[in-house]
Amino acid sequence: MENSDRKALRHERRRQFFIRAAQELMKEGDETKLTAKSIAERAGYSASSLYDYFESLDKLLVMSVDEFMAEIGALTEKEIDKCDRVTDCIEVAYLIFTEYFLDNPLLFRTIFLSPGSSRARFFNDPEMMPKFREMGIERIESLLKFEKSLGIPEGSALMIEQILTPDMFGVLFMYFQGIYGFSKEEVLQLLKRNIVHILKPYRELEEKSTARKEKMGGKK
């Protein structure tokens, strides 16, 4: 049993070597280096050994992108701590996610824009992208709490999610495809305008609710 445990730990450790190597190459931004040979060399192994730990190069790349979600989550939590309103937190979360992909374009290209690849089908796979899935679940749970706190119609939270998330990915797709001739800053401004527009009625309700609670709290 002990030998089996050590073998499993060694296997997982080597998988992480490959994932970290792929992440380093993604950060460097050279798409031509996202090959089994280049990743394996960076990890310190042969190209053929990569397939001892991953079913395919596509799965390795998808799992490597998922590992970045923890970094995005940490950045988001840090900024959310500064927010006074839930609607501000929602806005910040979407903008941080978008900016991270704008700063690291190869992450987005690896999943959605690689010619002949079907990696995008793994995007909601809980085994392939558990961190991304967990981030989505946490976002929806926060929206549901927000919905309940304001007493707005049931389903409003999911409607917000179903509008803002596709909009975010759509804006990123148009930008990386060169359809939008915008700078990074202009893309963020466009998305921010969309978010502010969608959240406007909820932000007004939140402000009224906060003002009402403050007024009630001031009564003796």
Protein backbone atom coordinates (compact mmCIF):
# COMPACT_ATOMS: atom_id res chain seq x y z
CA MET A 1 0.00 0.00 0.00
CA GLU A 2 2.86 2.33 0.92
CA ASN A 3 4.62 1.67 -2.38
CA SER A 4 1.35 2.29 -4.21
CA ASP A 5 0.91 5.62 -2.42
CA ARG A 6 4.45 6.69 -3.26
CA LYS A 7 3.90 5.73 -6.88
CA ALA A 8 0.68 7.79 -7.03
CA LEU A 9 2.43 10.79 -5.45
CA ARG A 10 5.31 10.51 -7.91
CA HIS A 11 2.85 10.28 -10.81
CA GLU A 12 0.97 13.39 -9.66
CA ARG A 13 4.20 15.30 -9.04
CA ARG A 14 5.36 14.63 -12.59
CA ARG A 15 1.97 15.64 -13.96
CA GLN A 16 2.42 18.96 -12.17
CA PHE A 17 5.86 19.39 -13.78
CA PHE A 18 4.19 19.20 -17.20
CA ILE A 19 1.36 21.54 -16.18
CA ARG A 20 3.77 24.15 -14.81
CA ALA A 21 5.90 23.89 -17.93
CA ALA A 22 2.85 24.48 -20.13
CA GLN A 23 1.82 27.43 -17.96
CA GLU A 24 5.27 29.01 -18.27
CA LEU A 25 5.13 28.71 -22.06
CA MET A 26 1.61 30.18 -22.14
CA LYS A 27 2.79 33.16 -20.08
CA GLU A 28 5.66 33.69 -22.51
CA GLY A 29 3.07 34.02 -25.27
CA ASP A 30 4.66 31.99 -28.09
CA GLU A 31 1.92 29.72 -29.42
CA THR A 32 4.39 27.71 -31.51
CA LYS A 33 5.93 26.43 -28.26
CA LEU A 34 2.72 24.78 -27.08
CA THR A 35 3.79 21.41 -28.43
CA ALA A 36 4.43 18.12 -26.68
CA LYS A 37 8.14 18.46 -27.47
CA SER A 38 8.57 21.99 -26.12
CA ILE A 39 6.47 21.39 -23.01
CA ALA A 40 8.25 18.13 -22.22
CA GLU A 41 11.66 19.74 -22.69
CA ARG A 42 10.69 22.58 -20.35
CA ALA A 43 9.50 19.99 -17.80
CA GLY A 44 12.74 18.03 -18.16
CA TYR A 45 11.29 14.94 -19.82
CA SER A 46 11.02 13.43 -23.27
CA ALA A 47 8.06 14.25 -25.53
CA SER A 48 6.86 10.64 -25.51
CA SER A 49 6.78 10.57 -21.69
CA LEU A 50 4.14 13.31 -21.66
CA TYR A 51 1.58 10.74 -22.80
CA ASP A 52 2.35 8.57 -19.79
CA TYR A 53 0.68 11.26 -17.70
CA PHE A 54 -1.89 12.82 -20.03
CA GLU A 55 -4.26 11.25 -22.50
CA SER A 56 -3.58 14.00 -25.03
CA LEU A 57 -1.83 17.32 -25.47
CA ASP A 58 -5.24 19.02 -25.58
CA LYS A 59 -6.12 17.74 -22.12
CA LEU A 60 -2.79 18.88 -20.71
CA LEU A 61 -3.29 22.38 -22.13
CA VAL A 62 -6.86 22.64 -20.85
CA MET A 63 -5.80 21.53 -17.36
CA SER A 64 -2.95 24.03 -17.46
CA VAL A 65 -5.35 26.87 -18.24
CA ASP A 66 -7.55 25.73 -15.35
CA GLU A 67 -4.63 26.11 -12.93
CA PHE A 68 -4.61 29.84 -13.69
CA MET A 69 -8.13 30.10 -12.24
CA ALA A 70 -6.71 29.98 -8.71
CA GLU A 71 -4.59 33.03 -9.50
CA ILE A 72 -7.59 34.85 -10.97
CA GLY A 73 -9.63 33.90 -7.90
CA ALA A 74 -6.99 35.31 -5.54
CA LEU A 75 -6.87 38.59 -7.49
CA THR A 76 -10.67 38.78 -7.43
CA GLU A 77 -10.96 38.16 -3.70
CA LYS A 78 -8.39 40.87 -2.98
CA GLU A 79 -10.37 43.47 -4.94
CA ILE A 80 -13.78 42.31 -3.74
CA ASP A 81 -12.68 42.95 -0.16
CA LYS A 82 -12.59 46.65 -1.09
CA CYS A 83 -16.18 46.71 -2.41
CA ASP A 84 -19.03 48.23 -0.43
CA ARG A 85 -21.86 46.96 -2.65
CA VAL A 86 -22.56 43.52 -4.06
CA THR A 87 -23.11 45.01 -7.52
CA ASP A 88 -19.62 46.51 -7.31
CA CYS A 89 -18.25 43.04 -6.48
CA ILE A 90 -20.00 41.54 -9.51
CA GLU A 91 -18.58 44.24 -11.77
CA VAL A 92 -15.06 43.83 -10.36
CA ALA A 93 -15.13 40.04 -10.76
CA TYR A 94 -15.99 40.20 -14.45
CA LEU A 95 -13.46 42.95 -15.18
CA ILE A 96 -10.61 41.15 -13.41
CA PHE A 97 -11.35 37.92 -15.27
CA THR A 98 -11.41 39.79 -18.58
CA GLU A 99 -8.26 41.77 -17.89
CA TYR A 100 -6.37 38.62 -16.93
CA PHE A 101 -7.17 37.04 -20.29
CA LEU A 102 -6.30 40.26 -22.11
CA ASP A 103 -2.92 40.28 -20.36
CA ASN A 104 -2.39 36.58 -21.13
CA PRO A 105 -3.93 36.12 -24.59
CA LEU A 106 -2.52 32.65 -25.11
CA LEU A 107 -4.77 31.32 -22.36
CA PHE A 108 -7.86 32.30 -24.31
CA ARG A 109 -6.41 31.27 -27.66
CA THR A 110 -5.41 27.87 -26.30
CA ILE A 111 -9.02 27.00 -25.43
CA PHE A 112 -11.12 28.80 -28.01
CA LEU A 113 -9.03 29.82 -31.01
CA SER A 114 -6.63 26.97 -31.71
CA PRO A 115 -7.20 25.82 -35.33
CA GLY A 116 -8.68 22.35 -35.60
CA SER A 117 -8.93 21.96 -31.83
CA SER A 118 -11.98 20.94 -29.85
CA ARG A 119 -10.56 21.98 -26.47
CA ALA A 120 -13.52 24.25 -25.75
CA ARG A 121 -15.65 21.15 -25.16
CA PHE A 122 -13.66 20.57 -21.96
CA PHE A 123 -14.42 24.03 -20.59
CA ASN A 124 -17.29 22.93 -18.34
CA ASP A 125 -15.89 19.47 -17.62
CA PRO A 126 -15.60 19.26 -13.80
CA GLU A 127 -12.70 16.82 -14.07
CA MET A 128 -10.75 18.81 -16.65
CA MET A 129 -11.44 22.31 -15.33
CA PRO A 130 -12.52 21.95 -11.68
CA LYS A 131 -11.22 25.38 -10.64
CA PHE A 132 -13.08 27.14 -13.45
CA ARG A 133 -16.26 25.24 -12.58
CA GLU A 134 -15.86 26.06 -8.88
CA MET A 135 -15.39 29.73 -9.72
CA GLY A 136 -18.62 29.69 -11.75
CA ILE A 137 -20.55 27.97 -8.96
CA GLU A 138 -19.30 30.51 -6.40
CA ARG A 139 -20.30 33.37 -8.71
CA ILE A 140 -23.83 32.00 -9.12
CA GLU A 141 -24.18 31.36 -5.37
CA SER A 142 -23.17 34.97 -4.67
CA LEU A 143 -25.74 36.18 -7.19
CA LEU A 144 -28.43 34.00 -5.60
CA LYS A 145 -27.67 35.48 -2.17
CA PHE A 146 -27.85 38.92 -3.72
CA GLU A 147 -31.21 38.05 -5.28
CA LYS A 148 -32.56 36.89 -1.93
CA SER A 149 -31.22 39.91 -0.01
CA LEU A 150 -32.99 42.36 -2.32
CA GLY A 151 -36.17 40.35 -2.66
CA ILE A 152 -36.04 40.57 -6.44
CA PRO A 153 -37.91 38.02 -8.59
CA GLU A 154 -36.61 34.48 -8.53
CA GLY A 155 -34.40 33.78 -11.52
CA SER A 156 -32.96 37.31 -11.67
CA ALA A 157 -29.55 36.10 -10.52
CA LEU A 158 -29.32 33.47 -13.23
CA MET A 159 -30.48 36.00 -15.79
CA ILE A 160 -27.61 38.32 -14.79
CA GLU A 161 -25.17 35.42 -15.11
CA GLN A 162 -26.58 34.34 -18.46
CA ILE A 163 -26.22 37.85 -19.86
CA LEU A 164 -22.87 38.95 -18.44
CA THR A 165 -20.87 35.75 -18.89
CA PRO A 166 -21.63 35.25 -22.62
CA ASP A 167 -21.09 38.97 -23.15
CA MET A 168 -17.66 38.78 -21.52
CA PHE A 169 -16.57 35.79 -23.60
CA GLY A 170 -18.09 37.33 -26.72
CA VAL A 171 -16.15 40.56 -26.24
CA LEU A 172 -12.93 38.59 -25.71
CA PHE A 173 -13.60 36.46 -28.78
CA MET A 174 -14.25 39.51 -30.99
CA TYR A 175 -11.12 41.20 -29.66
CA PHE A 176 -8.78 38.25 -30.17
CA GLN A 177 -10.22 37.56 -33.62
CA GLY A 178 -9.41 41.13 -34.59
CA ILE A 179 -13.05 41.97 -35.26
CA TYR A 180 -12.88 44.77 -32.71
CA GLY A 181 -10.15 47.22 -33.57
CA PHE A 182 -9.92 48.20 -29.92
CA SER A 183 -7.08 48.53 -27.48
CA LYS A 184 -7.10 46.53 -24.25
CA GLU A 185 -8.32 49.61 -22.36
CA GLU A 186 -11.16 50.15 -24.85
CA VAL A 187 -12.24 46.52 -24.50
CA LEU A 188 -12.41 46.90 -20.73
CA GLN A 189 -14.37 50.14 -21.09
CA LEU A 190 -16.83 48.45 -23.46
CA LEU A 191 -17.39 45.56 -21.08
CA LYS A 192 -17.70 47.92 -18.11
CA ARG A 193 -20.41 49.91 -19.91
CA ASN A 194 -22.32 46.71 -20.62
CA ILE A 195 -22.02 45.54 -17.02
CA VAL A 196 -23.09 48.91 -15.60
CA HIS A 197 -26.10 48.94 -17.93
CA ILE A 198 -27.24 45.44 -16.92
CA LEU A 199 -26.68 46.04 -13.22
CA LYS A 200 -28.20 49.54 -13.11
CA PRO A 201 -31.69 48.58 -11.81
CA TYR A 202 -30.19 46.18 -9.26
CA ARG A 203 -27.66 48.77 -8.13
CA GLU A 204 -30.46 51.27 -7.57
CA LEU A 205 -32.39 48.71 -5.53
CA GLU A 206 -29.28 47.90 -3.52
CA GLU A 207 -28.67 51.58 -2.78
CA LYS A 208 -32.28 52.05 -1.65
CA SER A 209 -32.07 48.93 0.50
CA THR A 210 -28.83 50.11 2.10
CA ALA A 211 -30.25 53.59 2.74
CA ARG A 212 -33.37 52.07 4.31
CA LYS A 213 -31.31 49.85 6.64
CA GLU A 214 -29.10 52.76 7.63
CA LYS A 215 -32.17 54.87 8.39
CA MET A 216 -33.74 52.10 10.45
CA GLY A 217 -30.45 51.58 12.26
CA GLY A 218 -30.33 55.26 13.15
CA LYS A 219 -33.67 55.16 14.93
CA LYS A 220 -33.58 54.80 18.70
